[in-house]
PDB file of N, CA and C in Angstrom:
ATOM      1  N   MET A   1     174.495 222.081  91.618  1.00  0.00           N
ATOM      2  CA  MET A   1     175.220 222.303  92.868  1.00  0.00           C
ATOM      3  C   MET A   1     176.719 222.364  92.587  1.00  0.00           C
ATOM      4  N   ARG A   2     177.358 223.363  93.128  1.00  0.00           N
ATOM      5  CA  ARG A   2     178.796 223.513  92.926  1.00  0.00           C
ATOM      6  C   ARG A   2     179.562 222.501  93.759  1.00  0.00           C
ATOM      7  N   ARG A   3     180.689 222.120  93.218  1.00  0.00           N
ATOM      8  CA  ARG A   3     181.561 221.212  93.966  1.00  0.00           C
ATOM      9  C   ARG A   3     182.188 221.950  95.141  1.00  0.00           C
ATOM     10  N   LEU A   4     182.162 221.334  96.306  1.00  0.00           N
ATOM     11  CA  LEU A   4     182.768 221.949  97.493  1.00  0.00           C
ATOM     12  C   LEU A   4     184.283 222.039  97.367  1.00  0.00           C
ATOM     13  N   SER A   5     184.888 221.096  96.645  1.00  0.00           N
ATOM     14  CA  SER A   5     186.336 221.136  96.485  1.00  0.00           C
ATOM     15  C   SER A   5     186.775 222.369  95.705  1.00  0.00           C
ATOM     16  N   LEU A   6     185.918 222.862  94.817  1.00  0.00           N
ATOM     17  CA  LEU A   6     186.253 224.078  94.064  1.00  0.00           C
ATOM     18  C   LEU A   6     186.331 225.280  95.000  1.00  0.00           C
ATOM     19  N   TRP A   7     185.422 225.338  95.977  1.00  0.00           N
ATOM     20  CA  TRP A   7     185.480 226.419  96.965  1.00  0.00           C
ATOM     21  C   TRP A   7     186.758 226.335  97.798  1.00  0.00           C
ATOM     22  N   ALA A   8     187.106 225.141  98.214  1.00  0.00           N
ATOM     23  CA  ALA A   8     188.333 224.962  98.996  1.00  0.00           C
ATOM     24  C   ALA A   8     189.558 225.330  98.170  1.00  0.00           C
ATOM     25  N   GLN A   9     189.528 224.994  96.880  1.00  0.00           N
ATOM     26  CA  GLN A   9     190.650 225.336  95.998  1.00  0.00           C
ATOM     27  C   GLN A   9     190.838 226.843  95.928  1.00  0.00           C
ATOM     28  N   TRP A  10     189.762 227.576  95.722  1.00  0.00           N
ATOM     29  CA  TRP A  10     189.898 229.017  95.565  1.00  0.00           C
ATOM     30  C   TRP A  10     190.210 229.729  96.869  1.00  0.00           C
ATOM     31  N   VAL A  11     189.751 229.218  97.981  1.00  0.00           N
ATOM     32  CA  VAL A  11     190.159 229.797  99.267  1.00  0.00           C
ATOM     33  C   VAL A  11     191.666 229.607  99.451  1.00  0.00           C
ATOM     34  N   GLY A  12     192.165 228.423  99.096  1.00  0.00           N
ATOM     35  CA  GLY A  12     193.598 228.166  99.197  1.00  0.00           C
ATOM     36  C   GLY A  12     194.415 229.047  98.273  1.00  0.00           C
ATOM     37  N   VAL A  13     193.954 229.218  97.043  1.00  0.00           N
ATOM     38  CA  VAL A  13     194.686 230.055  96.077  1.00  0.00           C
ATOM     39  C   VAL A  13     194.681 231.516  96.529  1.00  0.00           C
ATOM     40  N   LEU A  14     193.542 231.998  97.000  1.00  0.00           N
ATOM     41  CA  LEU A  14     193.476 233.390  97.477  1.00  0.00           C
ATOM     42  C   LEU A  14     194.340 233.609  98.713  1.00  0.00           C
ATOM     43  N   ALA A  15     194.338 232.650  99.634  1.00  0.00           N
ATOM     44  CA  ALA A  15     195.195 232.766 100.818  1.00  0.00           C
ATOM     45  C   ALA A  15     196.667 232.717 100.418  1.00  0.00           C
ATOM     46  N   HIS A  16     196.985 231.883  99.430  1.00  0.00           N
ATOM     47  CA  HIS A  16     198.367 231.794  98.948  1.00  0.00           C
ATOM     48  C   HIS A  16     198.806 233.126  98.341  1.00  0.00           C
ATOM     49  N   GLY A  17     197.933 233.720  97.529  1.00  0.00           N
ATOM     50  CA  GLY A  17     198.241 235.025  96.941  1.00  0.00           C
ATOM     51  C   GLY A  17     198.406 236.101  97.992  1.00  0.00           C
ATOM     52  N   ALA A  18     197.569 236.076  99.010  1.00  0.00           N
ATOM     53  CA  ALA A  18     197.673 237.059 100.092  1.00  0.00           C
ATOM     54  C   ALA A  18     198.985 236.889 100.861  1.00  0.00           C
ATOM     55  N   LEU A  19     199.379 235.632 101.089  1.00  0.00           N
ATOM     56  CA  LEU A  19     200.666 235.393 101.763  1.00  0.00           C
ATOM     57  C   LEU A  19     201.824 235.941 100.932  1.00  0.00           C
ATOM     58  N   LEU A  20     201.796 235.671  99.637  1.00  0.00           N
ATOM     59  CA  LEU A  20     202.854 236.180  98.764  1.00  0.00           C
ATOM     60  C   LEU A  20     202.902 237.706  98.798  1.00  0.00           C
ATOM     61  N   LEU A  21     201.754 238.339  98.699  1.00  0.00           N
ATOM     62  CA  LEU A  21     201.689 239.796  98.704  1.00  0.00           C
ATOM     63  C   LEU A  21     202.214 240.375 100.019  1.00  0.00           C
ATOM     64  N   LEU A  22     201.786 239.816 101.137  1.00  0.00           N
ATOM     65  CA  LEU A  22     202.242 240.323 102.437  1.00  0.00           C
ATOM     66  C   LEU A  22     203.736 240.121 102.636  1.00  0.00           C
ATOM     67  N   LEU A  23     204.260 239.007 102.143  1.00  0.00           N
ATOM     68  CA  LEU A  23     205.699 238.784 102.280  1.00  0.00           C
ATOM     69  C   LEU A  23     206.498 239.770 101.437  1.00  0.00           C
ATOM     70  N   VAL A  24     206.023 240.050 100.241  1.00  0.00           N
ATOM     71  CA  VAL A  24     206.714 241.018  99.395  1.00  0.00           C
ATOM     72  C   VAL A  24     206.631 242.414 100.004  1.00  0.00           C
ATOM     73  N   LEU A  25     205.470 242.760 100.560  1.00  0.00           N
ATOM     74  CA  LEU A  25     205.313 244.073 101.183  1.00  0.00           C
ATOM     75  C   LEU A  25     206.142 244.212 102.453  1.00  0.00           C
ATOM     76  N   ARG A  26     206.449 243.105 103.073  1.00  0.00           N
ATOM     77  CA  ARG A  26     207.251 243.136 104.303  1.00  0.00           C
ATOM     78  C   ARG A  26     208.649 243.672 104.032  1.00  0.00           C
ATOM     79  N   GLY A  27     209.198 243.318 102.871  1.00  0.00           N
ATOM     80  CA  GLY A  27     210.402 243.969 102.384  1.00  0.00           C
ATOM     81  C   GLY A  27     211.740 243.486 102.894  1.00  0.00           C
ATOM     82  N   SER A  28     211.815 242.473 103.706  1.00  0.00           N
ATOM     83  CA  SER A  28     213.115 241.998 104.166  1.00  0.00           C
ATOM     84  C   SER A  28     213.623 240.890 103.242  1.00  0.00           C
ATOM     85  N   VAL A  29     214.894 240.633 103.311  1.00  0.00           N
ATOM     86  CA  VAL A  29     215.493 239.586 102.478  1.00  0.00           C
ATOM     87  C   VAL A  29     214.901 238.228 102.848  1.00  0.00           C
ATOM     88  N   LEU A  30     214.705 237.979 104.116  1.00  0.00           N
ATOM     89  CA  LEU A  30     214.112 236.725 104.560  1.00  0.00           C
ATOM     90  C   LEU A  30     212.685 236.564 104.037  1.00  0.00           C
ATOM     91  N   ALA A  31     211.926 237.656 104.019  1.00  0.00           N
ATOM     92  CA  ALA A  31     210.558 237.607 103.497  1.00  0.00           C
ATOM     93  C   ALA A  31     210.565 237.325 102.001  1.00  0.00           C
ATOM     94  N   TYR A  32     211.528 237.900 101.276  1.00  0.00           N
ATOM     95  CA  TYR A  32     211.637 237.624  99.838  1.00  0.00           C
ATOM     96  C   TYR A  32     211.980 236.159  99.583  1.00  0.00           C
ATOM     97  N   CYS A  33     212.840 235.597 100.401  1.00  0.00           N
ATOM     98  CA  CYS A  33     213.185 234.171 100.255  1.00  0.00           C
ATOM     99  C   CYS A  33     211.970 233.287 100.548  1.00  0.00           C
ATOM    100  N   ALA A  34     211.214 233.641 101.566  1.00  0.00           N
ATOM    101  CA  ALA A  34     210.009 232.876 101.893  1.00  0.00           C
ATOM    102  C   ALA A  34     208.988 232.978 100.768  1.00  0.00           C
ATOM    103  N   ALA A  35     208.869 234.165 100.169  1.00  0.00           N
ATOM    104  CA  ALA A  35     207.941 234.342  99.047  1.00  0.00           C
ATOM    105  C   ALA A  35     208.407 233.550  97.824  1.00  0.00           C
ATOM    106  N   ALA A  36     209.701 233.509  97.593  1.00  0.00           N
ATOM    107  CA  ALA A  36     210.220 232.756  96.445  1.00  0.00           C
ATOM    108  C   ALA A  36     209.920 231.267  96.591  1.00  0.00           C
ATOM    109  N   ILE A  37     210.027 230.747  97.795  1.00  0.00           N
ATOM    110  CA  ILE A  37     209.712 229.337  98.021  1.00  0.00           C
ATOM    111  C   ILE A  37     208.222 229.088  97.798  1.00  0.00           C
ATOM    112  N   LEU A  38     207.390 230.053  98.191  1.00  0.00           N
ATOM    113  CA  LEU A  38     205.943 229.895  98.002  1.00  0.00           C
ATOM    114  C   LEU A  38     205.530 229.999  96.533  1.00  0.00           C
ATOM    115  N   LEU A  39     206.398 230.514  95.675  1.00  0.00           N
ATOM    116  CA  LEU A  39     206.080 230.559  94.252  1.00  0.00           C
ATOM    117  C   LEU A  39     206.143 229.175  93.600  1.00  0.00           C
ATOM    118  N   ILE A  40     206.879 228.256  94.206  1.00  0.00           N
ATOM    119  CA  ILE A  40     207.060 226.924  93.615  1.00  0.00           C
ATOM    120  C   ILE A  40     205.734 226.182  93.449  1.00  0.00           C
ATOM    121  N   PRO A  41     204.868 226.106  94.469  1.00  0.00           N
ATOM    122  CA  PRO A  41     203.621 225.353  94.271  1.00  0.00           C
ATOM    123  C   PRO A  41     202.513 226.122  93.552  1.00  0.00           C
ATOM    124  N   LEU A  42     202.710 227.400  93.258  1.00  0.00           N
ATOM    125  CA  LEU A  42     201.634 228.216  92.705  1.00  0.00           C
ATOM    126  C   LEU A  42     201.029 227.671  91.406  1.00  0.00           C
ATOM    127  N   PRO A  43     201.806 227.239  90.413  1.00  0.00           N
ATOM    128  CA  PRO A  43     201.180 226.703  89.187  1.00  0.00           C
ATOM    129  C   PRO A  43     200.309 225.472  89.453  1.00  0.00           C
ATOM    130  N   GLY A  44     200.757 224.574  90.303  1.00  0.00           N
ATOM    131  CA  GLY A  44     199.978 223.379  90.631  1.00  0.00           C
ATOM    132  C   GLY A  44     198.720 223.701  91.413  1.00  0.00           C
ATOM    133  N   LEU A  45     198.791 224.733  92.264  1.00  0.00           N
ATOM    134  CA  LEU A  45     197.597 225.143  93.010  1.00  0.00           C
ATOM    135  C   LEU A  45     196.559 225.738  92.066  1.00  0.00           C
ATOM    136  N   LEU A  46     197.012 226.543  91.121  1.00  0.00           N
ATOM    137  CA  LEU A  46     196.085 227.139  90.166  1.00  0.00           C
ATOM    138  C   LEU A  46     195.434 226.086  89.266  1.00  0.00           C
ATOM    139  N   ARG A  47     196.177 225.035  88.943  1.00  0.00           N
ATOM    140  CA  ARG A  47     195.637 223.974  88.083  1.00  0.00           C
ATOM    141  C   ARG A  47     194.829 222.931  88.853  1.00  0.00           C
ATOM    142  N   GLY A  48     194.868 222.979  90.180  1.00  0.00           N
ATOM    143  CA  GLY A  48     194.107 222.032  90.988  1.00  0.00           C
ATOM    144  C   GLY A  48     194.738 220.647  91.024  1.00  0.00           C
ATOM    145  N   ARG A  49     196.044 220.569  90.965  1.00  0.00           N
ATOM    146  CA  ARG A  49     196.727 219.272  91.003  1.00  0.00           C
ATOM    147  C   ARG A  49     196.779 218.751  92.433  1.00  0.00           C
ATOM    148  N   ARG A  50     196.231 217.597  92.593  1.00  0.00           N
ATOM    149  CA  ARG A  50     196.088 216.979  93.909  1.00  0.00           C
ATOM    150  C   ARG A  50     197.443 216.786  94.604  1.00  0.00           C
ATOM    151  N   TYR A  51     198.432 216.319  93.881  1.00  0.00           N
ATOM    152  CA  TYR A  51     199.747 216.079  94.480  1.00  0.00           C
ATOM    153  C   TYR A  51     200.357 217.383  95.010  1.00  0.00           C
ATOM    154  N   THR A  52     200.187 218.473  94.258  1.00  0.00           N
ATOM    155  CA  THR A  52     200.706 219.760  94.709  1.00  0.00           C
ATOM    156  C   THR A  52     200.013 220.188  96.001  1.00  0.00           C
ATOM    157  N   TYR A  53     198.714 219.982  96.071  1.00  0.00           N
ATOM    158  CA  TYR A  53     197.981 220.341  97.291  1.00  0.00           C
ATOM    159  C   TYR A  53     198.469 219.521  98.472  1.00  0.00           C
ATOM    160  N   GLN A  54     198.829 218.275  98.233  1.00  0.00           N
ATOM    161  CA  GLN A  54     199.279 217.419  99.329  1.00  0.00           C
ATOM    162  C   GLN A  54     200.615 217.885  99.889  1.00  0.00           C
ATOM    163  N   TRP A  55     201.604 218.133  99.012  1.00  0.00           N
ATOM    164  CA  TRP A  55     202.915 218.522  99.556  1.00  0.00           C
ATOM    165  C   TRP A  55     202.954 219.984  99.959  1.00  0.00           C
ATOM    166  N   ALA A  56     202.143 220.827  99.330  1.00  0.00           N
ATOM    167  CA  ALA A  56     202.119 222.238  99.729  1.00  0.00           C
ATOM    168  C   ALA A  56     201.530 222.399 101.130  1.00  0.00           C
ATOM    169  N   SER A  57     200.629 221.492 101.519  1.00  0.00           N
ATOM    170  CA  SER A  57     200.078 221.580 102.871  1.00  0.00           C
ATOM    171  C   SER A  57     201.172 221.351 103.917  1.00  0.00           C
ATOM    172  N   MET A  58     202.124 220.480 103.618  1.00  0.00           N
ATOM    173  CA  MET A  58     203.247 220.274 104.554  1.00  0.00           C
ATOM    174  C   MET A  58     204.127 221.516 104.627  1.00  0.00           C
ATOM    175  N   LEU A  59     204.328 222.163 103.484  1.00  0.00           N
ATOM    176  CA  LEU A  59     205.101 223.404 103.449  1.00  0.00           C
ATOM    177  C   LEU A  59     204.414 224.482 104.282  1.00  0.00           C
ATOM    178  N   LEU A  60     203.108 224.579 104.173  1.00  0.00           N
ATOM    179  CA  LEU A  60     202.369 225.592 104.921  1.00  0.00           C
ATOM    180  C   LEU A  60     202.368 225.304 106.412  1.00  0.00           C
ATOM    181  N   ALA A  61     202.387 224.053 106.803  1.00  0.00           N
ATOM    182  CA  ALA A  61     202.461 223.724 108.233  1.00  0.00           C
ATOM    183  C   ALA A  61     203.784 224.227 108.817  1.00  0.00           C
ATOM    184  N   ILE A  62     204.853 224.095 108.064  1.00  0.00           N
ATOM    185  CA  ILE A  62     206.161 224.597 108.513  1.00  0.00           C
ATOM    186  C   ILE A  62     206.141 226.116 108.617  1.00  0.00           C
ATOM    187  N   TYR A  63     205.576 226.773 107.591  1.00  0.00           N
ATOM    188  CA  TYR A  63     205.501 228.233 107.609  1.00  0.00           C
ATOM    189  C   TYR A  63     204.672 228.721 108.793  1.00  0.00           C
ATOM    190  N   CYS A  64     203.573 228.085 109.061  1.00  0.00           N
ATOM    191  CA  CYS A  64     202.725 228.481 110.183  1.00  0.00           C
ATOM    192  C   CYS A  64     203.494 228.374 111.497  1.00  0.00           C
ATOM    193  N   ALA A  65     204.204 227.282 111.675  1.00  0.00           N
ATOM    194  CA  ALA A  65     204.994 227.100 112.898  1.00  0.00           C
ATOM    195  C   ALA A  65     206.099 228.155 113.019  1.00  0.00           C
ATOM    196  N   LEU A  66     206.735 228.480 111.904  1.00  0.00           N
ATOM    197  CA  LEU A  66     207.804 229.484 111.944  1.00  0.00           C
ATOM    198  C   LEU A  66     207.261 230.865 112.291  1.00  0.00           C
ATOM    199  N   TRP A  67     206.100 231.220 111.730  1.00  0.00           N
ATOM    200  CA  TRP A  67     205.540 232.531 112.036  1.00  0.00           C
ATOM    201  C   TRP A  67     204.979 232.593 113.446  1.00  0.00           C
ATOM    202  N   LEU A  68     204.507 231.479 113.964  1.00  0.00           N
ATOM    203  CA  LEU A  68     204.086 231.472 115.371  1.00  0.00           C
ATOM    204  C   LEU A  68     205.288 231.642 116.293  1.00  0.00           C
ATOM    205  N   ALA A  69     206.402 231.030 115.934  1.00  0.00           N
ATOM    206  CA  ALA A  69     207.624 231.211 116.727  1.00  0.00           C
ATOM    207  C   ALA A  69     208.123 232.653 116.635  1.00  0.00           C
ATOM    208  N   GLU A  70     208.023 233.246 115.448  1.00  0.00           N
ATOM    209  CA  GLU A  70     208.421 234.651 115.308  1.00  0.00           C
ATOM    210  C   GLU A  70     207.514 235.562 116.121  1.00  0.00           C
ATOM    211  N   MET A  71     206.238 235.251 116.140  1.00  0.00           N
ATOM    212  CA  MET A  71     205.291 236.040 116.924  1.00  0.00           C
ATOM    213  C   MET A  71     205.663 236.000 118.413  1.00  0.00           C
ATOM    214  N   TRP A  72     206.092 234.854 118.862  1.00  0.00           N
ATOM    215  CA  TRP A  72     206.454 234.687 120.266  1.00  0.00           C
ATOM    216  C   TRP A  72     207.746 235.435 120.613  1.00  0.00           C
ATOM    217  N   SER A  73     208.683 235.472 119.668  1.00  0.00           N
ATOM    218  CA  SER A  73     210.001 236.021 119.984  1.00  0.00           C
ATOM    219  C   SER A  73     210.194 237.473 119.550  1.00  0.00           C
ATOM    220  N   ASN A  74     209.400 237.975 118.626  1.00  0.00           N
ATOM    221  CA  ASN A  74     209.618 239.306 118.080  1.00  0.00           C
ATOM    222  C   ASN A  74     208.444 240.208 118.453  1.00  0.00           C
ATOM    223  N   LEU A  75     208.587 240.952 119.532  1.00  0.00           N
ATOM    224  CA  LEU A  75     207.491 241.788 120.011  1.00  0.00           C
ATOM    225  C   LEU A  75     207.076 242.870 119.011  1.00  0.00           C
ATOM    226  N   PRO A  76     207.999 243.598 118.392  1.00  0.00           N
ATOM    227  CA  PRO A  76     207.555 244.638 117.450  1.00  0.00           C
ATOM    228  C   PRO A  76     206.846 244.083 116.216  1.00  0.00           C
ATOM    229  N   GLY A  77     207.199 242.892 115.773  1.00  0.00           N
ATOM    230  CA  GLY A  77     206.588 242.316 114.588  1.00  0.00           C
ATOM    231  C   GLY A  77     205.498 241.307 114.892  1.00  0.00           C
ATOM    232  N   ARG A  78     204.960 241.378 116.093  1.00  0.00           N
ATOM    233  CA  ARG A  78     203.989 240.371 116.535  1.00  0.00           C
ATOM    234  C   ARG A  78     202.709 240.372 115.694  1.00  0.00           C
ATOM    235  N   ALA A  79     202.195 241.528 115.362  1.00  0.00           N
ATOM    236  CA  ALA A  79     200.943 241.599 114.602  1.00  0.00           C
ATOM    237  C   ALA A  79     201.125 241.034 113.194  1.00  0.00           C
ATOM    238  N   ALA A  80     202.228 241.385 112.555  1.00  0.00           N
ATOM    239  CA  ALA A  80     202.483 240.884 111.203  1.00  0.00           C
ATOM    240  C   ALA A  80     202.684 239.373 111.215  1.00  0.00           C
ATOM    241  N   ALA A  81     203.410 238.879 112.195  1.00  0.00           N
ATOM    242  CA  ALA A  81     203.635 237.435 112.290  1.00  0.00           C
ATOM    243  C   ALA A  81     202.335 236.690 112.569  1.00  0.00           C
ATOM    244  N   LEU A  82     201.468 237.270 113.402  1.00  0.00           N
ATOM    245  CA  LEU A  82     200.174 236.646 113.675  1.00  0.00           C
ATOM    246  C   LEU A  82     199.308 236.604 112.412  1.00  0.00           C
ATOM    247  N   LEU A  83     199.324 237.677 111.637  1.00  0.00           N
ATOM    248  CA  LEU A  83     198.567 237.714 110.392  1.00  0.00           C
ATOM    249  C   LEU A  83     199.084 236.657 109.409  1.00  0.00           C
ATOM    250  N   LEU A  84     200.402 236.548 109.270  1.00  0.00           N
ATOM    251  CA  LEU A  84     200.985 235.556 108.374  1.00  0.00           C
ATOM    252  C   LEU A  84     200.706 234.134 108.849  1.00  0.00           C
ATOM    253  N   ALA A  85     200.789 233.908 110.145  1.00  0.00           N
ATOM    254  CA  ALA A  85     200.490 232.579 110.688  1.00  0.00           C
ATOM    255  C   ALA A  85     199.021 232.226 110.487  1.00  0.00           C
ATOM    256  N   SER A  86     198.146 233.203 110.672  1.00  0.00           N
ATOM    257  CA  SER A  86     196.718 232.948 110.472  1.00  0.00           C
ATOM    258  C   SER A  86     196.398 232.641 109.017  1.00  0.00           C
ATOM    259  N   LEU A  87     196.979 233.401 108.101  1.00  0.00           N
ATOM    260  CA  LEU A  87     196.765 233.135 106.676  1.00  0.00           C
ATOM    261  C   LEU A  87     197.308 231.771 106.270  1.00  0.00           C
ATOM    262  N   SER A  88     198.465 231.413 106.796  1.00  0.00           N
ATOM    263  CA  SER A  88     199.021 230.108 106.453  1.00  0.00           C
ATOM    264  C   SER A  88     198.177 228.982 107.045  1.00  0.00           C
ATOM    265  N   ALA A  89     197.583 229.201 108.217  1.00  0.00           N
ATOM    266  CA  ALA A  89     196.697 228.189 108.804  1.00  0.00           C
ATOM    267  C   ALA A  89     195.423 228.037 107.980  1.00  0.00           C
ATOM    268  N   VAL A  90     194.867 229.154 107.513  1.00  0.00           N
ATOM    269  CA  VAL A  90     193.678 229.100 106.656  1.00  0.00           C
ATOM    270  C   VAL A  90     194.004 228.363 105.365  1.00  0.00           C
ATOM    271  N   GLU A  91     195.152 228.670 104.789  1.00  0.00           N
ATOM    272  CA  GLU A  91     195.532 227.980 103.562  1.00  0.00           C
ATOM    273  C   GLU A  91     195.770 226.492 103.806  1.00  0.00           C
ATOM    274  N   PHE A  92     196.402 226.146 104.903  1.00  0.00           N
ATOM    275  CA  PHE A  92     196.636 224.745 105.228  1.00  0.00           C
ATOM    276  C   PHE A  92     195.312 223.977 105.299  1.00  0.00           C
ATOM    277  N   VAL A  93     194.349 224.534 106.013  1.00  0.00           N
ATOM    278  CA  VAL A  93     193.050 223.872 106.158  1.00  0.00           C
ATOM    279  C   VAL A  93     192.364 223.737 104.805  1.00  0.00           C
ATOM    280  N   SER A  94     192.422 224.775 103.991  1.00  0.00           N
ATOM    281  CA  SER A  94     191.758 224.695 102.683  1.00  0.00           C
ATOM    282  C   SER A  94     192.446 223.699 101.759  1.00  0.00           C
ATOM    283  N   LEU A  95     193.765 223.571 101.849  1.00  0.00           N
ATOM    284  CA  LEU A  95     194.460 222.588 101.011  1.00  0.00           C
ATOM    285  C   LEU A  95     194.082 221.166 101.410  1.00  0.00           C
ATOM    286  N   VAL A  96     194.027 220.921 102.702  1.00  0.00           N
ATOM    287  CA  VAL A  96     193.645 219.591 103.175  1.00  0.00           C
ATOM    288  C   VAL A  96     192.191 219.298 102.818  1.00  0.00           C
ATOM    289  N   LEU A  97     191.329 220.285 102.983  1.00  0.00           N
ATOM    290  CA  LEU A  97     189.923 220.102 102.620  1.00  0.00           C
ATOM    291  C   LEU A  97     189.751 219.829 101.131  1.00  0.00           C
ATOM    292  N   PHE A  98     190.526 220.516 100.306  1.00  0.00           N
ATOM    293  CA  PHE A  98     190.442 220.288  98.863  1.00  0.00           C
ATOM    294  C   PHE A  98     190.730 218.829  98.529  1.00  0.00           C
ATOM    295  N   VAL A  99     191.793 218.298  99.104  1.00  0.00           N
ATOM    296  CA  VAL A  99     192.169 216.910  98.815  1.00  0.00           C
ATOM    297  C   VAL A  99     191.090 215.951  99.302  1.00  0.00           C
ATOM    298  N   ARG A 100     190.595 216.161 100.506  1.00  0.00           N
ATOM    299  CA  ARG A 100     189.567 215.255 101.049  1.00  0.00           C
ATOM    300  C   ARG A 100     188.246 215.351 100.294  1.00  0.00           C
ATOM    301  N   LEU A 101     187.827 216.574  99.989  1.00  0.00           N
ATOM    302  CA  LEU A 101     186.559 216.746  99.281  1.00  0.00           C
ATOM    303  C   LEU A 101     186.642 216.242  97.843  1.00  0.00           C
ATOM    304  N   GLN A 102     187.778 216.467  97.205  1.00  0.00           N
ATOM    305  CA  GLN A 102     187.937 215.977  95.838  1.00  0.00           C
ATOM    306  C   GLN A 102     187.915 214.455  95.807  1.00  0.00           C
ATOM    307  N   ASP A 103     188.511 213.839  96.813  1.00  0.00           N
ATOM    308  CA  ASP A 103     188.494 212.381  96.899  1.00  0.00           C
ATOM    309  C   ASP A 103     187.066 211.868  97.054  1.00  0.00           C
ATOM    310  N   ARG A 104     186.283 212.509  97.922  1.00  0.00           N
ATOM    311  CA  ARG A 104     184.886 212.101  98.104  1.00  0.00           C
ATOM    312  C   ARG A 104     184.070 212.330  96.833  1.00  0.00           C
ATOM    313  N   GLU A 105     184.314 213.433  96.147  1.00  0.00           N
ATOM    314  CA  GLU A 105     183.570 213.713  94.915  1.00  0.00           C
ATOM    315  C   GLU A 105     183.917 212.724  93.810  1.00  0.00           C
ATOM    316  N   ARG A 106     185.150 212.301  93.759  1.00  0.00           N
ATOM    317  CA  ARG A 106     185.562 211.334  92.748  1.00  0.00           C
ATOM    318  C   ARG A 106     184.926 209.967  92.994  1.00  0.00           C
ATOM    319  N   HIS A 107     184.728 209.641  94.248  1.00  0.00           N
ATOM    320  CA  HIS A 107     184.152 208.321  94.575  1.00  0.00           C
ATOM    321  C   HIS A 107     182.651 208.377  94.775  1.00  0.00           C
ATOM    322  N   GLY A 108     182.029 209.525  94.504  1.00  0.00           N
ATOM    323  CA  GLY A 108     180.583 209.626  94.562  1.00  0.00           C
ATOM    324  C   GLY A 108     179.982 209.667  95.932  1.00  0.00           C
ATOM    325  N   GLN A 109     180.770 209.978  96.945  1.00  0.00           N
ATOM    326  CA  GLN A 109     180.244 210.069  98.306  1.00  0.00           C
ATOM    327  C   GLN A 109     179.772 211.475  98.575  1.00  0.00           C
ATOM    328  N   THR A 110     178.870 211.630  99.489  1.00  0.00           N
ATOM    329  CA  THR A 110     178.414 212.957  99.886  1.00  0.00           C
ATOM    330  C   THR A 110     179.293 213.459 101.006  1.00  0.00           C
ATOM    331  N   ALA A 111     179.438 214.771 101.053  1.00  0.00           N
ATOM    332  CA  ALA A 111     180.230 215.401 102.117  1.00  0.00           C
ATOM    333  C   ALA A 111     179.323 215.618 103.322  1.00  0.00           C
ATOM    334  N   GLY A 112     179.438 214.745 104.293  1.00  0.00           N
ATOM    335  CA  GLY A 112     178.585 214.931 105.456  1.00  0.00           C
ATOM    336  C   GLY A 112     178.721 213.915 106.497  1.00  0.00           C
TER     337      GLY A 112
END
């Protein structure tokens, strides 16, 4: 049986990569700055470091809130902001799940 935390890890890494790609494709200076900040936790996410997952989840909560605010205030960019907010929310949930599931797996508890 595969570890559930491994699934959560890869969902988080894929969502992180998608966020980086969409920000780069967006092409504004602000989007490039946001992408540069998201590059900081990438090595720790790829290695599955628990501490990185913990603090990166706080970073993603801020990003989600900022993109929801942009969605509310910027009518022409509403779809892009909604997509970015949704991806950041998916990544946030997967990062938190990774930490919780890994903790349960380390202590021999079942997820249920």
